[in-house]
Protein backbone atom coordinates (compact mmCIF):
# COMPACT_ATOMS: atom_id res chain seq x y z
CA MET A 1 7.93 57.88 -12.60
CA LYS A 2 4.38 57.18 -10.91
CA GLN A 3 3.62 54.41 -13.57
CA ILE A 4 6.98 52.89 -13.01
CA HIS A 5 6.71 52.62 -9.11
CA VAL A 6 3.41 50.78 -9.73
CA ILE A 7 4.74 48.00 -12.15
CA THR A 8 7.37 47.69 -9.51
CA SER A 9 5.09 47.02 -7.01
CA LEU A 10 2.78 45.08 -8.81
CA LEU A 11 6.16 42.72 -9.94
CA LEU A 12 6.90 42.18 -6.35
CA ILE A 13 3.16 41.46 -5.58
CA LEU A 14 3.43 38.63 -8.50
CA SER A 15 7.07 36.99 -7.45
CA PRO A 16 5.67 35.28 -4.59
CA VAL A 17 2.75 33.83 -6.61
CA SER A 18 4.89 32.65 -9.55
CA SER A 19 7.42 31.01 -6.82
CA ILE A 20 4.60 29.28 -4.80
CA ALA A 21 3.16 27.83 -8.10
CA LYS A 22 6.42 26.48 -9.33
CA LYS A 23 7.10 24.90 -6.33
CA SER A 24 3.99 23.39 -6.50
CA SER A 25 4.58 22.32 -10.03
CA ASN A 26 7.71 20.91 -8.89
CA LYS A 27 6.38 18.80 -6.01
CA LYS A 28 3.46 17.50 -8.17
CA SER A 29 5.99 16.45 -10.73
CA THR A 30 8.55 14.86 -7.74
CA GLN A 31 5.10 12.98 -6.31
CA ALA A 32 4.32 11.37 -10.17
CA LYS A 33 7.93 10.24 -10.21
CA SER A 34 7.90 8.50 -6.70
CA ASP A 35 4.63 6.81 -7.23
CA PRO A 36 4.35 4.36 -10.48
CA VAL A 37 1.30 2.81 -11.41
CA LEU A 38 0.81 -0.30 -12.51
CA THR A 39 -1.85 -2.18 -15.09
CA PRO A 40 -3.46 -5.47 -13.58
CA THR A 41 -5.26 -8.31 -14.42
CA VAL A 42 -6.00 -11.70 -12.64
CA TYR A 43 -5.47 -15.35 -12.93
CA CYS A 44 -6.54 -18.59 -11.30
CA THR A 45 -6.08 -22.55 -11.62
CA PRO A 46 -9.09 -23.21 -12.86
CA THR A 47 -11.13 -26.99 -12.64
CA VAL A 48 -11.60 -28.56 -15.88
CA GLY A 49 -12.76 -32.03 -16.91
CA ASP A 50 -16.45 -31.56 -16.84
CA GLU A 51 -16.82 -30.41 -20.39
CA GLU A 52 -18.31 -32.86 -23.21
CA CYS A 53 -16.70 -33.01 -26.69
CA GLU A 54 -16.59 -35.05 -29.65
CA SER A 55 -12.64 -35.59 -29.25
CA LYS A 56 -10.09 -34.67 -26.62
CA LYS A 57 -6.72 -33.54 -26.51
CA SER A 58 -3.87 -35.09 -24.37
CA ILE A 59 -2.27 -33.39 -21.92
CA VAL A 60 1.03 -35.09 -21.66
CA ASP A 61 4.73 -34.39 -20.03
CA SER A 62 7.94 -33.64 -21.20
CA ARG A 63 8.57 -37.47 -22.48
CA GLY A 64 5.18 -37.88 -24.18
CA LYS A 65 3.29 -39.56 -21.30
CA VAL A 66 -0.27 -38.41 -21.29
CA LEU A 67 -1.48 -37.42 -17.78
CA ALA A 68 -4.72 -36.90 -18.69
CA SER A 69 -7.43 -35.97 -21.90
CA VAL A 70 -9.87 -32.82 -21.80
CA CYS A 71 -11.48 -31.23 -24.33
CA PRO A 72 -9.59 -28.70 -26.67
CA ALA A 73 -10.81 -25.44 -24.96
CA GLU A 74 -10.21 -26.87 -21.37
CA HIS A 75 -6.39 -27.62 -22.52
CA LYS A 76 -5.90 -24.07 -23.61
CA LYS A 77 -7.38 -22.76 -20.45
CA CYS A 78 -4.44 -24.92 -18.60
CA SER A 79 -2.22 -23.89 -20.83
CA LEU A 80 -2.90 -20.34 -20.72
CA GLU A 81 -3.47 -20.06 -16.58
CA GLY A 82 -0.02 -22.18 -16.12
CA ALA A 83 -1.53 -24.41 -14.45
CA CYS A 84 -5.02 -26.52 -13.67
CA PHE A 85 -7.08 -29.20 -11.82
CA VAL A 86 -8.49 -32.11 -13.98
CA LYS A 87 -11.61 -33.72 -12.47
CA LYS A 88 -11.61 -37.26 -12.62
CA ALA A 89 -14.37 -39.60 -12.62
CA ASP A 90 -14.58 -40.61 -8.98
CA GLY A 91 -14.87 -37.05 -8.24
CA SER A 92 -10.92 -36.53 -7.12
CA LYS A 93 -8.69 -34.15 -8.86
CA THR A 94 -4.97 -34.24 -10.22
CA LEU A 95 -2.84 -30.80 -10.11
CA LEU A 96 -0.93 -30.28 -13.40
CA ASN A 97 1.39 -27.67 -13.93
CA ALA A 98 2.83 -26.29 -17.40
CA VAL A 99 6.49 -26.74 -17.37
CA ASP A 100 7.57 -25.43 -20.95
CA GLU A 101 6.32 -25.11 -24.40
CA GLY A 102 7.41 -27.97 -27.11
CA ARG A 103 6.75 -28.41 -30.47
CA ASP A 104 3.04 -29.29 -30.18
CA GLY A 105 2.30 -27.21 -26.86
CA TYR A 106 3.14 -26.91 -23.48
CA TYR A 107 4.29 -30.02 -21.31
CA PHE A 108 3.28 -30.61 -18.09
CA MET A 109 4.14 -32.23 -14.48
CA THR A 110 2.07 -33.79 -11.67
CA VAL A 111 2.26 -31.24 -8.63
CA ASP A 112 1.91 -32.63 -5.23
CA THR A 113 -1.03 -30.46 -3.69
CA ASN A 114 0.48 -31.13 -0.17
CA ASP A 115 3.61 -29.09 -0.96
CA CYS A 116 1.85 -27.05 -3.39
CA PRO A 117 -2.03 -27.27 -3.65
CA TYR A 118 -2.61 -24.21 -6.06
CA GLY A 119 0.41 -24.90 -8.40
CA LEU A 120 3.70 -23.68 -8.95
CA GLY A 121 5.28 -20.37 -10.06
CA LYS A 122 8.23 -20.06 -12.64
CA ALA A 123 11.60 -19.80 -11.30
CA ASN A 124 14.42 -17.85 -13.07
CA ASN A 125 17.04 -20.75 -13.41
CA ARG A 126 17.48 -21.46 -17.20
CA ASN A 127 21.16 -23.96 -16.09
CA LYS A 128 18.59 -26.51 -14.34
CA LYS A 129 16.13 -29.02 -16.14
CA GLN A 130 12.73 -27.74 -16.75
CA ALA A 131 11.23 -29.91 -13.61
CA ASP A 132 13.82 -28.50 -11.09
CA LYS A 133 13.27 -24.69 -12.56
CA ILE A 134 10.13 -24.21 -10.87
CA LYS A 135 10.51 -26.62 -8.31
CA GLN A 136 9.21 -25.39 -4.96
CA MET A 137 8.26 -22.12 -6.26
CA CYS A 138 4.44 -22.51 -4.80
CA LEU A 139 1.73 -19.93 -5.66
CA ASP A 140 0.22 -18.00 -2.67
CA PRO A 141 -3.67 -17.24 -3.31
CA TYR A 142 -4.36 -13.36 -3.44
CA TYR A 143 -0.43 -13.32 -2.49
CA THR A 144 1.35 -13.50 -5.66
CA LEU A 145 1.82 -11.96 -8.51
CA ALA A 146 3.00 -12.67 -11.99
CA ALA A 147 5.58 -10.63 -13.54
CA ASP A 148 8.19 -9.70 -16.21
CA TYR A 149 11.20 -11.40 -14.94
CA SER A 150 13.63 -9.22 -16.42
CA GLN A 151 11.77 -6.15 -14.62
CA ALA A 152 10.97 -7.93 -11.60
CA PRO A 153 12.17 -10.90 -10.46
CA PRO A 154 11.22 -13.54 -7.87
CA GLY A 155 11.13 -12.30 -4.41
CA THR A 156 10.38 -8.81 -5.45
CA VAL A 157 7.96 -7.40 -2.81
CA LEU A 158 5.21 -4.70 -3.87
CA TYR A 159 3.60 -2.50 -1.20
CA ILE A 160 -0.43 -1.64 -2.90
CA GLU A 161 -2.19 0.48 -0.43
CA LYS A 162 -5.51 -0.21 -2.80
CA LEU A 163 -5.22 -3.70 -1.03
CA LYS A 164 -4.75 -3.19 2.53
CA GLY A 165 -7.43 -4.20 4.71
CA LEU A 166 -9.29 -6.01 1.97
CA VAL A 167 -11.04 -8.87 3.59
CA LEU A 168 -9.90 -12.02 1.94
CA PRO A 169 -12.06 -15.20 1.83
CA ASP A 170 -10.74 -16.80 4.84
CA GLY A 171 -11.54 -13.94 7.06
CA THR A 172 -8.25 -12.04 7.50
CA LYS A 173 -7.43 -9.01 6.03
CA HIS A 174 -4.47 -8.23 3.27
CA THR A 175 -1.35 -7.03 4.18
CA GLY A 176 -1.00 -4.87 1.31
CA LEU A 177 2.23 -6.66 0.30
CA MET A 178 2.62 -8.98 -2.89
CA ILE A 179 5.21 -11.08 -3.82
CA VAL A 180 6.73 -11.91 -7.38
CA ARG A 181 6.54 -15.77 -7.64
CA ASP A 182 5.30 -16.67 -11.33
CA LYS A 183 6.57 -15.39 -14.86
CA GLY A 184 3.85 -14.57 -17.15
CA GLU A 185 4.49 -14.94 -20.38
CA GLY A 186 1.84 -12.23 -21.80
CA ILE A 187 3.22 -10.07 -19.29
CA ARG A 188 5.57 -7.09 -20.20
CA GLY A 189 7.17 -4.25 -18.86
CA SER A 190 7.67 -2.98 -15.17
CA GLY A 191 4.56 -1.98 -14.59
CA ARG A 192 2.63 -4.85 -15.36
CA PHE A 193 1.58 -7.61 -12.91
CA ASP A 194 -0.77 -10.52 -12.99
CA PHE A 195 -2.80 -10.77 -9.70
CA PHE A 196 -3.11 -14.46 -8.29
CA THR A 197 -6.75 -15.46 -6.85
CA GLY A 198 -6.03 -19.35 -6.13
CA ASP A 199 -8.57 -21.90 -7.91
CA ASN A 200 -11.69 -18.83 -7.47
CA CYS A 201 -11.89 -18.61 -11.26
CA ASP A 202 -15.00 -15.72 -11.01
CA LEU A 203 -12.70 -13.41 -12.52
CA LEU A 204 -15.16 -10.88 -13.98
CA ASN A 205 -17.46 -11.73 -10.80
CA PRO A 206 -17.05 -8.58 -8.23
CA GLU A 207 -19.36 -10.48 -5.77
CA LYS A 208 -17.13 -13.61 -6.01
CA ASN A 209 -13.79 -12.25 -6.30
CA VAL A 210 -12.47 -9.71 -3.81
CA PHE A 211 -9.88 -8.97 -6.44
CA ALA A 212 -12.84 -8.58 -9.33
CA SER A 213 -14.58 -5.95 -6.35
CA ILE A 214 -11.72 -3.77 -6.40
CA ASN A 215 -11.12 -3.55 -10.29
CA LEU A 216 -7.71 -5.47 -10.45
CA ASN A 217 -9.61 -7.32 -13.57
CA ASP A 218 -9.65 -4.28 -15.44
CA LYS A 219 -6.55 -3.35 -17.65
CA SER A 220 -7.94 0.26 -18.29
CA LYS A 221 -7.18 0.84 -14.53
CA LYS A 222 -3.88 2.34 -13.20
CA VAL A 223 -3.31 1.42 -9.24
CA PRO A 224 -0.26 3.07 -7.53
CA TYR A 225 2.46 0.55 -5.93
CA LYS A 226 5.67 0.62 -4.58
CA VAL A 227 8.67 -1.64 -4.97
CA ILE A 228 9.91 -2.75 -1.47
CA ARG A 229 13.93 -2.43 -1.09
CA ASN A 230 14.80 -2.25 2.10
CA LYS A 231 16.36 -5.42 3.04
CA ASP A 232 15.08 -5.97 6.51
CA GLN A 233 11.42 -5.22 4.85
CA VAL A 234 11.91 -7.54 2.37
CA ALA A 235 13.06 -10.67 4.51
CA ASN A 236 10.36 -10.17 6.86
CA ALA A 237 7.83 -9.83 4.22
CA LEU A 238 9.34 -13.43 2.85
CA ALA A 239 9.23 -14.55 5.68
CA ALA A 240 5.17 -14.14 6.37
CA ARG A 241 4.54 -15.72 3.46
CA ASN A 242 7.16 -18.70 3.97
CA TYR A 243 8.49 -17.64 0.30
CA PRO A 244 9.48 -19.90 -1.89
CA ASN A 245 7.15 -22.27 -0.29
CA PHE A 246 3.80 -22.42 0.84
CA PRO A 247 2.52 -20.72 3.69
CA PRO A 248 1.96 -23.65 6.55
CA PRO A 249 -1.73 -23.72 7.91
CA LYS A 250 -2.03 -21.21 10.97
CA GLN A 251 -2.12 -22.55 14.02
CA VAL A 252 -5.05 -22.03 16.03
CA ALA A 253 -3.61 -21.89 19.81
CA GLU A 254 -5.65 -23.96 22.52
CA GLU A 255 -8.12 -21.83 24.54
CA LYS A 256 -7.33 -21.63 28.14
CA PRO A 257 -10.44 -22.53 30.22
CA VAL A 258 -11.42 -19.12 31.88
CA GLN A 259 -10.61 -19.56 35.42
CA VAL A 260 -13.20 -18.12 37.77
CA GLU A 261 -12.31 -17.26 41.34
CA VAL A 262 -15.06 -18.95 43.47
CA GLN A 263 -15.67 -16.69 47.02
CA LYS A 264 -16.50 -18.40 50.45
CA PRO A 265 -19.41 -18.26 51.00
CA VAL A 266 -20.32 -14.90 53.74
CA GLN A 267 -20.80 -16.57 57.18
CA SER A 268 -23.86 -14.76 58.07
CA GLU A 269 -24.34 -16.45 61.41
CA ASN A 270 -21.13 -14.91 62.77
CA TYR A 271 -22.90 -11.56 62.05
CA ILE A 272 -26.23 -12.74 63.53
CA ILE A 273 -24.43 -13.54 66.74
CA ARG A 274 -22.50 -10.61 66.84
CA GLY A 275 -25.76 -8.45 66.71
CA LEU A 276 -27.50 -10.67 69.77
CA ARG A 277 -24.42 -9.86 71.80
CA GLU A 278 -24.45 -6.01 71.17
CA MET A 279 -28.45 -6.05 71.53
CA ARG A 280 -27.73 -7.81 75.31
CA SER A 281 -24.92 -5.61 76.27
CA PHE A 282 -27.25 -2.51 75.18
CA GLU A 283 -30.06 -3.83 77.19
CA ALA A 284 -27.36 -4.24 80.25
CA GLU A 285 -26.45 -1.08 80.55
CA GLY A 286 -30.30 0.27 80.52
CA GLY A 287 -30.59 1.16 77.08
CA LYS A 288 -28.37 4.03 77.07
């Protein structure tokens, strides 16, 4: 009988511990479900036209018109990244954007850098002409994601804690919000995203590329993220980056001249006269 009491007591003691362990396990399971992770890579808009080679390959539009001629390796780079700056003999650059893939490779179009300085992302509209399909979906450096559109369509907003507060090349701090503006040909799945870094193509150099400095160029790293679903928050995030267009330049407010209040000079003569009068009055009273 005594042994039964002992066993019962032990069960009562262990029961709360078991319950706590179970709750802890459930909590961890819930957290794992609510915090998905992504597999990152980075991409850019490279500059080509500097390489020397025996034979060059033409970059053509959908009608076969030659837009530029570059070395085969550079042509491949333009196709892989989806856009490229082609340097001319006079030092100027032309921005070319891949439109669609043809029999002999990608067709390109010339992009007005006044509208989209770093290239165009692919819009999800198969019913229009290819040129119209990506019209005005401007790539926004350090805030653009290329994604699998079947999993994350254009305009999807992600919050990535790891990015929040990251100092960008222009000196501003990242908000942590990224917007899907492009479709990655090799990007497949819900947790696969490509991070755009503008014309900064030092993709493997953490000292020159801020996204590389936090390992967004490493596919072996898993980065927690959240999809923003609140309509107001999504609308605010898109408006803040002027989606789908390129963000306008920040307007620097004119510094108002500091109004310094000039104090009138102290009328010291009045104090002197008053002092002399008080002294004479004191003497007239016999110094009392």
